[in-house]
Amino acid sequence: MAKKSNHVVPSSSGWSVKKSGASRASKNFNTKEEAVKYGREMSKSEKTELYIHKKNGMIQDKNSYGNDPNPPKDKH
């Protein structure tokens, strides 16, 4: 089963938050900041990963809000 995630992606009207594999956006925004804030809240409540994309579509940043099987070494 593929890991569930949310993506902040550029759209024709600004920025959108989409679930992985979805053809339609969950919500559209005028600014990237608004989309990231909404995507972060959504990912925290769903315990999923959030991928933030650049304007050209490449992944800029990734955050995990789920049960990460490999926590950072400084978190014991």
PDB file of N, CA and C in Angstrom:
ATOM      1  N   MET A   1       0.837  -1.182   0.000  1.00  0.00           N
ATOM      2  CA  MET A   1       0.000   0.000   0.000  1.00  0.00           C
ATOM      3  C   MET A   1       0.882   1.246   0.000  1.00  0.00           C
ATOM      4  N   ALA A   2       0.548   2.183  -0.851  1.00  0.00           N
ATOM      5  CA  ALA A   2       1.330   3.407  -0.943  1.00  0.00           C
ATOM      6  C   ALA A   2       1.095   4.269   0.299  1.00  0.00           C
ATOM      7  N   LYS A   3       2.128   4.978   0.684  1.00  0.00           N
ATOM      8  CA  LYS A   3       2.047   5.851   1.843  1.00  0.00           C
ATOM      9  C   LYS A   3       1.183   7.060   1.486  1.00  0.00           C
ATOM     10  N   LYS A   4       0.281   7.431   2.372  1.00  0.00           N
ATOM     11  CA  LYS A   4      -0.582   8.584   2.124  1.00  0.00           C
ATOM     12  C   LYS A   4       0.196   9.857   2.385  1.00  0.00           C
ATOM     13  N   SER A   5      -0.047  10.861   1.557  1.00  0.00           N
ATOM     14  CA  SER A   5       0.640  12.138   1.726  1.00  0.00           C
ATOM     15  C   SER A   5      -0.188  13.253   1.107  1.00  0.00           C
ATOM     16  N   ASN A   6       0.184  14.472   1.461  1.00  0.00           N
ATOM     17  CA  ASN A   6      -0.424  15.673   0.906  1.00  0.00           C
ATOM     18  C   ASN A   6       0.666  16.466   0.213  1.00  0.00           C
ATOM     19  N   HIS A   7       0.274  17.187  -0.831  1.00  0.00           N
ATOM     20  CA  HIS A   7       1.239  17.944  -1.626  1.00  0.00           C
ATOM     21  C   HIS A   7       0.767  19.375  -1.807  1.00  0.00           C
ATOM     22  N   VAL A   8       1.692  20.334  -1.597  1.00  0.00           N
ATOM     23  CA  VAL A   8       1.439  21.738  -1.918  1.00  0.00           C
ATOM     24  C   VAL A   8       2.054  21.947  -3.295  1.00  0.00           C
ATOM     25  N   VAL A   9       1.202  22.218  -4.283  1.00  0.00           N
ATOM     26  CA  VAL A   9       1.657  22.302  -5.669  1.00  0.00           C
ATOM     27  C   VAL A   9       1.191  23.597  -6.335  1.00  0.00           C
ATOM     28  N   PRO A  10       1.978  24.079  -7.319  1.00  0.00           N
ATOM     29  CA  PRO A  10       1.538  25.266  -8.060  1.00  0.00           C
ATOM     30  C   PRO A  10       0.334  24.914  -8.925  1.00  0.00           C
ATOM     31  N   SER A  11      -0.565  25.873  -9.091  1.00  0.00           N
ATOM     32  CA  SER A  11      -1.736  25.667  -9.952  1.00  0.00           C
ATOM     33  C   SER A  11      -1.946  26.909 -10.805  1.00  0.00           C
ATOM     34  N   SER A  12      -2.878  26.827 -11.720  1.00  0.00           N
ATOM     35  CA  SER A  12      -3.134  27.961 -12.620  1.00  0.00           C
ATOM     36  C   SER A  12      -3.641  29.186 -11.858  1.00  0.00           C
ATOM     37  N   SER A  13      -4.288  28.958 -10.701  1.00  0.00           N
ATOM     38  CA  SER A  13      -4.833  30.082  -9.930  1.00  0.00           C
ATOM     39  C   SER A  13      -3.967  30.461  -8.731  1.00  0.00           C
ATOM     40  N   GLY A  14      -2.803  29.838  -8.582  1.00  0.00           N
ATOM     41  CA  GLY A  14      -1.921  30.137  -7.452  1.00  0.00           C
ATOM     42  C   GLY A  14      -1.291  28.865  -6.926  1.00  0.00           C
ATOM     43  N   TRP A  15      -1.793  28.373  -5.778  1.00  0.00           N
ATOM     44  CA  TRP A  15      -1.261  27.165  -5.137  1.00  0.00           C
ATOM     45  C   TRP A  15      -2.403  26.292  -4.677  1.00  0.00           C
ATOM     46  N   SER A  16      -2.188  24.977  -4.690  1.00  0.00           N
ATOM     47  CA  SER A  16      -3.210  24.025  -4.282  1.00  0.00           C
ATOM     48  C   SER A  16      -2.631  23.000  -3.321  1.00  0.00           C
ATOM     49  N   VAL A  17      -3.512  22.429  -2.505  1.00  0.00           N
ATOM     50  CA  VAL A  17      -3.138  21.302  -1.653  1.00  0.00           C
ATOM     51  C   VAL A  17      -3.887  20.094  -2.210  1.00  0.00           C
ATOM     52  N   LYS A  18      -3.117  19.043  -2.533  1.00  0.00           N
ATOM     53  CA  LYS A  18      -3.696  17.822  -3.106  1.00  0.00           C
ATOM     54  C   LYS A  18      -3.271  16.618  -2.302  1.00  0.00           C
ATOM     55  N   LYS A  19      -4.150  15.633  -2.207  1.00  0.00           N
ATOM     56  CA  LYS A  19      -3.786  14.338  -1.625  1.00  0.00           C
ATOM     57  C   LYS A  19      -3.063  13.543  -2.707  1.00  0.00           C
ATOM     58  N   SER A  20      -2.130  12.676  -2.312  1.00  0.00           N
ATOM     59  CA  SER A  20      -1.407  11.881  -3.291  1.00  0.00           C
ATOM     60  C   SER A  20      -2.396  11.026  -4.079  1.00  0.00           C
ATOM     61  N   GLY A  21      -2.240  11.023  -5.391  1.00  0.00           N
ATOM     62  CA  GLY A  21      -3.093  10.239  -6.274  1.00  0.00           C
ATOM     63  C   GLY A  21      -4.397  10.911  -6.665  1.00  0.00           C
ATOM     64  N   ALA A  22      -4.705  12.054  -6.072  1.00  0.00           N
ATOM     65  CA  ALA A  22      -5.961  12.747  -6.379  1.00  0.00           C
ATOM     66  C   ALA A  22      -5.819  13.578  -7.651  1.00  0.00           C
ATOM     67  N   SER A  23      -6.884  13.624  -8.429  1.00  0.00           N
ATOM     68  CA  SER A  23      -6.845  14.440  -9.637  1.00  0.00           C
ATOM     69  C   SER A  23      -7.292  15.877  -9.342  1.00  0.00           C
ATOM     70  N   ARG A  24      -8.085  16.040  -8.286  1.00  0.00           N
ATOM     71  CA  ARG A  24      -8.556  17.380  -7.920  1.00  0.00           C
ATOM     72  C   ARG A  24      -7.918  17.837  -6.618  1.00  0.00           C
ATOM     73  N   ALA A  25      -7.771  19.140  -6.494  1.00  0.00           N
ATOM     74  CA  ALA A  25      -7.182  19.725  -5.290  1.00  0.00           C
ATOM     75  C   ALA A  25      -8.172  19.674  -4.131  1.00  0.00           C
ATOM     76  N   SER A  26      -7.646  19.518  -2.916  1.00  0.00           N
ATOM     77  CA  SER A  26      -8.476  19.593  -1.715  1.00  0.00           C
ATOM     78  C   SER A  26      -8.933  21.032  -1.516  1.00  0.00           C
ATOM     79  N   LYS A  27      -8.010  21.973  -1.770  1.00  0.00           N
ATOM     80  CA  LYS A  27      -8.310  23.394  -1.611  1.00  0.00           C
ATOM     81  C   LYS A  27      -7.299  24.214  -2.397  1.00  0.00           C
ATOM     82  N   ASN A  28      -7.738  25.370  -2.907  1.00  0.00           N
ATOM     83  CA  ASN A  28      -6.870  26.271  -3.673  1.00  0.00           C
ATOM     84  C   ASN A  28      -6.613  27.556  -2.892  1.00  0.00           C
ATOM     85  N   PHE A  29      -5.424  28.129  -3.118  1.00  0.00           N
ATOM     86  CA  PHE A  29      -5.016  29.339  -2.398  1.00  0.00           C
ATOM     87  C   PHE A  29      -4.350  30.317  -3.346  1.00  0.00           C
ATOM     88  N   ASN A  30      -4.366  31.598  -2.958  1.00  0.00           N
ATOM     89  CA  ASN A  30      -3.692  32.629  -3.746  1.00  0.00           C
ATOM     90  C   ASN A  30      -2.190  32.623  -3.502  1.00  0.00           C
ATOM     91  N   THR A  31      -1.778  32.306  -2.255  1.00  0.00           N
ATOM     92  CA  THR A  31      -0.355  32.346  -1.922  1.00  0.00           C
ATOM     93  C   THR A  31       0.141  30.980  -1.462  1.00  0.00           C
ATOM     94  N   LYS A  32       1.430  30.773  -1.636  1.00  0.00           N
ATOM     95  CA  LYS A  32       2.064  29.523  -1.209  1.00  0.00           C
ATOM     96  C   LYS A  32       2.013  29.397   0.311  1.00  0.00           C
ATOM     97  N   GLU A  33       2.184  30.512   1.020  1.00  0.00           N
ATOM     98  CA  GLU A  33       2.183  30.496   2.473  1.00  0.00           C
ATOM     99  C   GLU A  33       0.854  29.970   3.023  1.00  0.00           C
ATOM    100  N   GLU A  34      -0.261  30.420   2.441  1.00  0.00           N
ATOM    101  CA  GLU A  34      -1.580  29.955   2.874  1.00  0.00           C
ATOM    102  C   GLU A  34      -1.732  28.458   2.616  1.00  0.00           C
ATOM    103  N   ALA A  35      -1.264  28.008   1.453  1.00  0.00           N
ATOM    104  CA  ALA A  35      -1.368  26.596   1.090  1.00  0.00           C
ATOM    105  C   ALA A  35      -0.534  25.721   2.019  1.00  0.00           C
ATOM    106  N   VAL A  36       0.679  26.176   2.356  1.00  0.00           N
ATOM    107  CA  VAL A  36       1.556  25.412   3.248  1.00  0.00           C
ATOM    108  C   VAL A  36       0.921  25.314   4.639  1.00  0.00           C
ATOM    109  N   LYS A  37       0.364  26.410   5.125  1.00  0.00           N
ATOM    110  CA  LYS A  37      -0.266  26.409   6.449  1.00  0.00           C
ATOM    111  C   LYS A  37      -1.427  25.410   6.492  1.00  0.00           C
ATOM    112  N   TYR A  38      -2.271  25.435   5.473  1.00  0.00           N
ATOM    113  CA  TYR A  38      -3.410  24.517   5.406  1.00  0.00           C
ATOM    114  C   TYR A  38      -2.921  23.074   5.263  1.00  0.00           C
ATOM    115  N   GLY A  39      -1.945  22.851   4.389  1.00  0.00           N
ATOM    116  CA  GLY A  39      -1.400  21.510   4.169  1.00  0.00           C
ATOM    117  C   GLY A  39      -0.774  20.940   5.422  1.00  0.00           C
ATOM    118  N   ARG A  40      -0.078  21.782   6.185  1.00  0.00           N
ATOM    119  CA  ARG A  40       0.558  21.351   7.430  1.00  0.00           C
ATOM    120  C   ARG A  40      -0.503  20.920   8.445  1.00  0.00           C
ATOM    121  N   GLU A  41      -1.565  21.722   8.597  1.00  0.00           N
ATOM    122  CA  GLU A  41      -2.649  21.384   9.525  1.00  0.00           C
ATOM    123  C   GLU A  41      -3.334  20.081   9.109  1.00  0.00           C
ATOM    124  N   MET A  42      -3.562  19.931   7.797  1.00  0.00           N
ATOM    125  CA  MET A  42      -4.203  18.736   7.272  1.00  0.00           C
ATOM    126  C   MET A  42      -3.335  17.501   7.523  1.00  0.00           C
ATOM    127  N   SER A  43      -2.041  17.612   7.259  1.00  0.00           N
ATOM    128  CA  SER A  43      -1.125  16.489   7.438  1.00  0.00           C
ATOM    129  C   SER A  43      -0.971  16.114   8.906  1.00  0.00           C
ATOM    130  N   LYS A  44      -0.968  17.110   9.791  1.00  0.00           N
ATOM    131  CA  LYS A  44      -0.873  16.820  11.227  1.00  0.00           C
ATOM    132  C   LYS A  44      -2.106  16.060  11.692  1.00  0.00           C
ATOM    133  N   SER A  45      -3.287  16.475  11.266  1.00  0.00           N
ATOM    134  CA  SER A  45      -4.516  15.818  11.714  1.00  0.00           C
ATOM    135  C   SER A  45      -4.649  14.420  11.117  1.00  0.00           C
ATOM    136  N   GLU A  46      -4.111  14.206   9.905  1.00  0.00           N
ATOM    137  CA  GLU A  46      -4.202  12.894   9.253  1.00  0.00           C
ATOM    138  C   GLU A  46      -2.987  12.013   9.542  1.00  0.00           C
ATOM    139  N   LYS A  47      -1.968  12.599  10.204  1.00  0.00           N
ATOM    140  CA  LYS A  47      -0.705  11.891  10.471  1.00  0.00           C
ATOM    141  C   LYS A  47      -0.084  11.361   9.178  1.00  0.00           C
ATOM    142  N   THR A  48       0.054  12.266   8.203  1.00  0.00           N
ATOM    143  CA  THR A  48       0.642  11.920   6.907  1.00  0.00           C
ATOM    144  C   THR A  48       1.846  12.805   6.621  1.00  0.00           C
ATOM    145  N   GLU A  49       2.477  12.586   5.477  1.00  0.00           N
ATOM    146  CA  GLU A  49       3.611  13.404   5.067  1.00  0.00           C
ATOM    147  C   GLU A  49       3.117  14.578   4.234  1.00  0.00           C
ATOM    148  N   LEU A  50       3.862  15.676   4.287  1.00  0.00           N
ATOM    149  CA  LEU A  50       3.554  16.858   3.498  1.00  0.00           C
ATOM    150  C   LEU A  50       4.740  17.154   2.594  1.00  0.00           C
ATOM    151  N   TYR A  51       4.485  17.213   1.298  1.00  0.00           N
ATOM    152  CA  TYR A  51       5.507  17.559   0.312  1.00  0.00           C
ATOM    153  C   TYR A  51       5.205  18.964  -0.198  1.00  0.00           C
ATOM    154  N   ILE A  52       6.184  19.851  -0.086  1.00  0.00           N
ATOM    155  CA  ILE A  52       6.029  21.222  -0.564  1.00  0.00           C
ATOM    156  C   ILE A  52       6.846  21.351  -1.845  1.00  0.00           C
ATOM    157  N   HIS A  53       6.171  21.697  -2.930  1.00  0.00           N
ATOM    158  CA  HIS A  53       6.812  21.787  -4.235  1.00  0.00           C
ATOM    159  C   HIS A  53       7.175  23.229  -4.583  1.00  0.00           C
ATOM    160  N   LYS A  54       8.171  23.390  -5.445  1.00  0.00           N
ATOM    161  CA  LYS A  54       8.549  24.702  -5.971  1.00  0.00           C
ATOM    162  C   LYS A  54       7.619  25.044  -7.129  1.00  0.00           C
ATOM    163  N   LYS A  55       7.741  26.249  -7.637  1.00  0.00           N
ATOM    164  CA  LYS A  55       6.924  26.707  -8.763  1.00  0.00           C
ATOM    165  C   LYS A  55       7.126  25.810  -9.993  1.00  0.00           C
ATOM    166  N   ASN A  56       8.345  25.247 -10.143  1.00  0.00           N
ATOM    167  CA  ASN A  56       8.623  24.390 -11.304  1.00  0.00           C
ATOM    168  C   ASN A  56       8.183  22.943 -11.073  1.00  0.00           C
ATOM    169  N   GLY A  57       7.604  22.644  -9.913  1.00  0.00           N
ATOM    170  CA  GLY A  57       7.089  21.313  -9.639  1.00  0.00           C
ATOM    171  C   GLY A  57       8.023  20.410  -8.855  1.00  0.00           C
ATOM    172  N   MET A  58       9.308  20.790  -8.751  1.00  0.00           N
ATOM    173  CA  MET A  58      10.260  19.965  -7.997  1.00  0.00           C
ATOM    174  C   MET A  58       9.970  20.080  -6.496  1.00  0.00           C
ATOM    175  N   ILE A  59      10.283  19.018  -5.749  1.00  0.00           N
ATOM    176  CA  ILE A  59      10.045  19.033  -4.298  1.00  0.00           C
ATOM    177  C   ILE A  59      11.063  19.946  -3.621  1.00  0.00           C
ATOM    178  N   GLN A  60      10.558  20.894  -2.848  1.00  0.00           N
ATOM    179  CA  GLN A  60      11.394  21.848  -2.126  1.00  0.00           C
ATOM    180  C   GLN A  60      11.643  21.363  -0.704  1.00  0.00           C
ATOM    181  N   ASP A  61      10.599  20.791  -0.071  1.00  0.00           N
ATOM    182  CA  ASP A  61      10.701  20.399   1.330  1.00  0.00           C
ATOM    183  C   ASP A  61       9.724  19.267   1.600  1.00  0.00           C
ATOM    184  N   LYS A  62      10.008  18.472   2.642  1.00  0.00           N
ATOM    185  CA  LYS A  62       9.151  17.354   3.020  1.00  0.00           C
ATOM    186  C   LYS A  62       9.101  17.283   4.536  1.00  0.00           C
ATOM    187  N   ASN A  63       7.902  17.126   5.084  1.00  0.00           N
ATOM    188  CA  ASN A  63       7.725  17.005   6.529  1.00  0.00           C
ATOM    189  C   ASN A  63       6.862  15.801   6.829  1.00  0.00           C
ATOM    190  N   SER A  64       7.243  15.042   7.845  1.00  0.00           N
ATOM    191  CA  SER A  64       6.477  13.875   8.251  1.00  0.00           C
ATOM    192  C   SER A  64       5.740  14.183   9.547  1.00  0.00           C
ATOM    193  N   TYR A  65       4.425  13.968   9.534  1.00  0.00           N
ATOM    194  CA  TYR A  65       3.615  14.203  10.728  1.00  0.00           C
ATOM    195  C   TYR A  65       2.995  12.905  11.242  1.00  0.00           C
ATOM    196  N   GLY A  66       3.453  11.769  10.719  1.00  0.00           N
ATOM    197  CA  GLY A  66       2.916  10.485  11.137  1.00  0.00           C
ATOM    198  C   GLY A  66       3.849   9.775  12.085  1.00  0.00           C
ATOM    199  N   ASN A  67       3.673   8.480  12.186  1.00  0.00           N
ATOM    200  CA  ASN A  67       4.544   7.659  13.014  1.00  0.00           C
ATOM    201  C   ASN A  67       5.764   7.300  12.193  1.00  0.00           C
ATOM    202  N   ASP A  68       6.781   8.118  12.286  1.00  0.00           N
ATOM    203  CA  ASP A  68       7.996   7.925  11.497  1.00  0.00           C
ATOM    204  C   ASP A  68       8.775   6.728  12.041  1.00  0.00           C
ATOM    205  N   PRO A  69       9.004   5.707  11.208  1.00  0.00           N
ATOM    206  CA  PRO A  69       9.734   4.535  11.692  1.00  0.00           C
ATOM    207  C   PRO A  69      11.219   4.803  11.936  1.00  0.00           C
ATOM    208  N   ASN A  70      11.737   5.894  11.383  1.00  0.00           N
ATOM    209  CA  ASN A  70      13.144   6.247  11.538  1.00  0.00           C
ATOM    210  C   ASN A  70      13.280   7.653  12.104  1.00  0.00           C
ATOM    211  N   PRO A  71      13.021   7.815  13.404  1.00  0.00           N
ATOM    212  CA  PRO A  71      13.144   9.181  13.975  1.00  0.00           C
ATOM    213  C   PRO A  71      14.595   9.653  13.936  1.00  0.00           C
ATOM    214  N   PRO A  72      14.807  10.957  13.963  1.00  0.00           N
ATOM    215  CA  PRO A  72      16.168  11.491  13.973  1.00  0.00           C
ATOM    216  C   PRO A  72      16.975  10.936  15.146  1.00  0.00           C
ATOM    217  N   LYS A  73      18.280  10.785  14.942  1.00  0.00           N
ATOM    218  CA  LYS A  73      19.136  10.172  15.955  1.00  0.00           C
ATOM    219  C   LYS A  73      19.182  10.996  17.249  1.00  0.00           C
ATOM    220  N   ASP A  74      18.966  12.317  17.160  1.00  0.00           N
ATOM    221  CA  ASP A  74      19.016  13.144  18.367  1.00  0.00           C
ATOM    222  C   ASP A  74      17.729  13.050  19.188  1.00  0.00           C
ATOM    223  N   LYS A  75      16.719  12.343  18.697  1.00  0.00           N
ATOM    224  CA  LYS A  75      15.454  12.168  19.423  1.00  0.00           C
ATOM    225  C   LYS A  75      15.378  10.750  19.965  1.00  0.00           C
ATOM    226  N   HIS A  76      15.791  10.548  21.192  1.00  0.00           N
ATOM    227  CA  HIS A  76      15.808   9.208  21.795  1.00  0.00           C
ATOM    228  C   HIS A  76      14.615   9.008  22.662  1.00  0.00           C
TER     229      HIS A  76
END
